[in-house]
């Protein structure tokens, strides 16, 4: 076994950050699309209807600038790092324990 190696923690954490960084803007657009409504007074898409993901992204980027796609990303990446680090480390430990129990570990 690797003992107290930090490799699974770091690998999992950074993998989570990369995955969330790649998908975060799309998730923000999806959330805005789902929370918008057509009648006037229902948010940034009031009176326009939700439209497609691309329409929502174009409309909100034109209205608020591209930075809105990344608003709130810091806490999300911190959470992604912690959750994925723990998941990877626990998986590695369980995998090692199962291998030892089956007599496959050296």
C-alpha atoms as a PDB file:
ATOM      1  CA  UNK A   1       0.000   0.000   0.000  1.00  0.00           C
ATOM      2  CA  UNK A   2       0.937   3.622  -0.258  1.00  0.00           C
ATOM      3  CA  UNK A   3       0.378   4.378   3.413  1.00  0.00           C
ATOM      4  CA  UNK A   4      -0.268   8.067   3.941  1.00  0.00           C
ATOM      5  CA  UNK A   5       0.353   9.194   0.375  1.00  0.00           C
ATOM      6  CA  UNK A   6      -1.312  12.473  -0.517  1.00  0.00           C
ATOM      7  CA  UNK A   7      -1.423  11.534  -4.217  1.00  0.00           C
ATOM      8  CA  UNK A   8      -5.063  10.335  -4.225  1.00  0.00           C
ATOM      9  CA  UNK A   9      -6.157  13.460  -2.350  1.00  0.00           C
ATOM     10  CA  UNK A  10      -4.362  15.811  -4.718  1.00  0.00           C
ATOM     11  CA  UNK A  11      -5.297  13.858  -7.841  1.00  0.00           C
ATOM     12  CA  UNK A  12      -8.948  13.754  -6.898  1.00  0.00           C
ATOM     13  CA  UNK A  13      -9.020  17.381  -5.861  1.00  0.00           C
ATOM     14  CA  UNK A  14      -7.421  18.683  -9.023  1.00  0.00           C
ATOM     15  CA  UNK A  15      -9.527  16.392 -11.220  1.00  0.00           C
ATOM     16  CA  UNK A  16     -12.636  17.855  -9.619  1.00  0.00           C
ATOM     17  CA  UNK A  17     -11.420  21.405 -10.181  1.00  0.00           C
ATOM     18  CA  UNK A  18     -10.676  20.701 -13.856  1.00  0.00           C
ATOM     19  CA  UNK A  19     -14.076  19.081 -14.379  1.00  0.00           C
ATOM     20  CA  UNK A  20     -15.987  21.907 -12.694  1.00  0.00           C
ATOM     21  CA  UNK A  21     -13.959  24.584 -14.495  1.00  0.00           C
ATOM     22  CA  UNK A  22     -14.864  23.026 -17.839  1.00  0.00           C
ATOM     23  CA  UNK A  23     -18.578  22.714 -17.081  1.00  0.00           C
ATOM     24  CA  UNK A  24     -19.321  25.618 -14.725  1.00  0.00           C
ATOM     25  CA  UNK A  25     -20.365  28.197 -17.373  1.00  0.00           C
ATOM     26  CA  UNK A  26     -22.804  25.714 -18.930  1.00  0.00           C
ATOM     27  CA  UNK A  27     -24.229  24.903 -15.516  1.00  0.00           C
ATOM     28  CA  UNK A  28     -24.757  28.608 -14.813  1.00  0.00           C
ATOM     29  CA  UNK A  29     -26.588  29.046 -18.130  1.00  0.00           C
ATOM     30  CA  UNK A  30     -28.711  25.954 -17.471  1.00  0.00           C
ATOM     31  CA  UNK A  31     -29.631  27.189 -14.005  1.00  0.00           C
ATOM     32  CA  UNK A  32     -30.571  30.635 -15.326  1.00  0.00           C
ATOM     33  CA  UNK A  33     -32.619  29.032 -18.087  1.00  0.00           C
ATOM     34  CA  UNK A  34     -34.476  26.815 -15.628  1.00  0.00           C
ATOM     35  CA  UNK A  35     -35.176  29.658 -13.214  1.00  0.00           C
ATOM     36  CA  UNK A  36     -36.425  32.136 -15.814  1.00  0.00           C
ATOM     37  CA  UNK A  37     -40.015  32.563 -16.904  1.00  0.00           C
ATOM     38  CA  UNK A  38     -41.844  34.272 -19.737  1.00  0.00           C
ATOM     39  CA  UNK A  39     -44.210  36.776 -18.060  1.00  0.00           C
ATOM     40  CA  UNK A  40     -42.874  40.299 -17.429  1.00  0.00           C
ATOM     41  CA  UNK A  41     -41.252  40.759 -14.047  1.00  0.00           C
ATOM     42  CA  UNK A  42     -39.882  37.222 -13.817  1.00  0.00           C
ATOM     43  CA  UNK A  43     -36.146  37.891 -13.940  1.00  0.00           C
ATOM     44  CA  UNK A  44     -33.540  38.766 -16.554  1.00  0.00           C
ATOM     45  CA  UNK A  45     -35.375  36.943 -19.331  1.00  0.00           C
ATOM     46  CA  UNK A  46     -38.747  38.511 -18.508  1.00  0.00           C
ATOM     47  CA  UNK A  47     -41.018  38.727 -21.491  1.00  0.00           C
ATOM     48  CA  UNK A  48     -38.638  36.742 -23.702  1.00  0.00           C
ATOM     49  CA  UNK A  49     -39.268  33.190 -22.553  1.00  0.00           C
ATOM     50  CA  UNK A  50     -36.404  30.932 -21.649  1.00  0.00           C
ATOM     51  CA  UNK A  51     -35.272  29.970 -25.135  1.00  0.00           C
ATOM     52  CA  UNK A  52     -32.453  27.568 -25.899  1.00  0.00           C
ATOM     53  CA  UNK A  53     -29.281  27.324 -23.841  1.00  0.00           C
ATOM     54  CA  UNK A  54     -27.419  29.212 -26.584  1.00  0.00           C
ATOM     55  CA  UNK A  55     -30.065  31.968 -26.656  1.00  0.00           C
ATOM     56  CA  UNK A  56     -29.936  32.335 -22.875  1.00  0.00           C
ATOM     57  CA  UNK A  57     -26.123  32.464 -22.912  1.00  0.00           C
ATOM     58  CA  UNK A  58     -26.053  35.081 -25.690  1.00  0.00           C
ATOM     59  CA  UNK A  59     -28.758  37.215 -24.116  1.00  0.00           C
ATOM     60  CA  UNK A  60     -27.317  37.247 -20.628  1.00  0.00           C
ATOM     61  CA  UNK A  61     -23.750  37.736 -21.844  1.00  0.00           C
ATOM     62  CA  UNK A  62     -24.892  40.718 -23.918  1.00  0.00           C
ATOM     63  CA  UNK A  63     -26.766  42.113 -20.909  1.00  0.00           C
ATOM     64  CA  UNK A  64     -24.267  41.406 -18.100  1.00  0.00           C
ATOM     65  CA  UNK A  65     -20.950  40.735 -19.874  1.00  0.00           C
ATOM     66  CA  UNK A  66     -19.011  37.463 -19.947  1.00  0.00           C
ATOM     67  CA  UNK A  67     -17.992  37.651 -16.276  1.00  0.00           C
ATOM     68  CA  UNK A  68     -21.478  36.559 -15.156  1.00  0.00           C
ATOM     69  CA  UNK A  69     -20.654  33.040 -16.418  1.00  0.00           C
ATOM     70  CA  UNK A  70     -18.038  32.718 -13.671  1.00  0.00           C
ATOM     71  CA  UNK A  71     -19.756  34.466 -10.771  1.00  0.00           C
ATOM     72  CA  UNK A  72     -19.626  32.257  -7.680  1.00  0.00           C
ATOM     73  CA  UNK A  73     -17.069  29.909  -9.197  1.00  0.00           C
ATOM     74  CA  UNK A  74     -14.530  30.209  -6.343  1.00  0.00           C
ATOM     75  CA  UNK A  75     -16.624  28.513  -3.642  1.00  0.00           C
ATOM     76  CA  UNK A  76     -17.766  25.909  -6.162  1.00  0.00           C
ATOM     77  CA  UNK A  77     -14.153  25.016  -7.044  1.00  0.00           C
ATOM     78  CA  UNK A  78     -13.204  24.822  -3.378  1.00  0.00           C
ATOM     79  CA  UNK A  79     -16.110  22.464  -2.767  1.00  0.00           C
ATOM     80  CA  UNK A  80     -15.189  20.437  -5.864  1.00  0.00           C
ATOM     81  CA  UNK A  81     -11.602  20.070  -4.665  1.00  0.00           C
ATOM     82  CA  UNK A  82     -12.593  18.858  -1.200  1.00  0.00           C
ATOM     83  CA  UNK A  83     -15.358  16.494  -2.307  1.00  0.00           C
ATOM     84  CA  UNK A  84     -13.342  14.898  -5.099  1.00  0.00           C
ATOM     85  CA  UNK A  85     -10.192  14.641  -2.985  1.00  0.00           C
ATOM     86  CA  UNK A  86     -12.090  12.728  -0.317  1.00  0.00           C
ATOM     87  CA  UNK A  87     -13.860  10.535  -2.887  1.00  0.00           C
ATOM     88  CA  UNK A  88     -10.594   9.550  -4.587  1.00  0.00           C
ATOM     89  CA  UNK A  89      -8.790   8.919  -1.294  1.00  0.00           C
ATOM     90  CA  UNK A  90     -11.614   6.776   0.110  1.00  0.00           C
ATOM     91  CA  UNK A  91     -11.851   4.829  -3.136  1.00  0.00           C
ATOM     92  CA  UNK A  92      -8.097   4.150  -3.082  1.00  0.00           C
ATOM     93  CA  UNK A  93      -8.202   3.005   0.553  1.00  0.00           C
ATOM     94  CA  UNK A  94     -11.157   0.707  -0.076  1.00  0.00           C
ATOM     95  CA  UNK A  95      -9.504  -0.727  -3.155  1.00  0.00           C
ATOM     96  CA  UNK A  96      -6.347  -1.482  -1.143  1.00  0.00           C
ATOM     97  CA  UNK A  97      -8.379  -3.020   1.690  1.00  0.00           C
ATOM     98  CA  UNK A  98     -10.269  -5.305  -0.697  1.00  0.00           C
ATOM     99  CA  UNK A  99      -7.007  -6.361  -2.366  1.00  0.00           C
ATOM    100  CA  UNK A 100      -5.428  -7.157   1.031  1.00  0.00           C
ATOM    101  CA  UNK A 101      -8.470  -9.116   2.118  1.00  0.00           C
ATOM    102  CA  UNK A 102      -8.335 -11.184  -1.056  1.00  0.00           C
ATOM    103  CA  UNK A 103      -4.608 -11.756  -0.555  1.00  0.00           C
ATOM    104  CA  UNK A 104      -3.669  -9.827  -3.668  1.00  0.00           C
ATOM    105  CA  UNK A 105      -1.572  -7.161  -1.977  1.00  0.00           C
ATOM    106  CA  UNK A 106       2.143  -7.685  -1.617  1.00  0.00           C
END
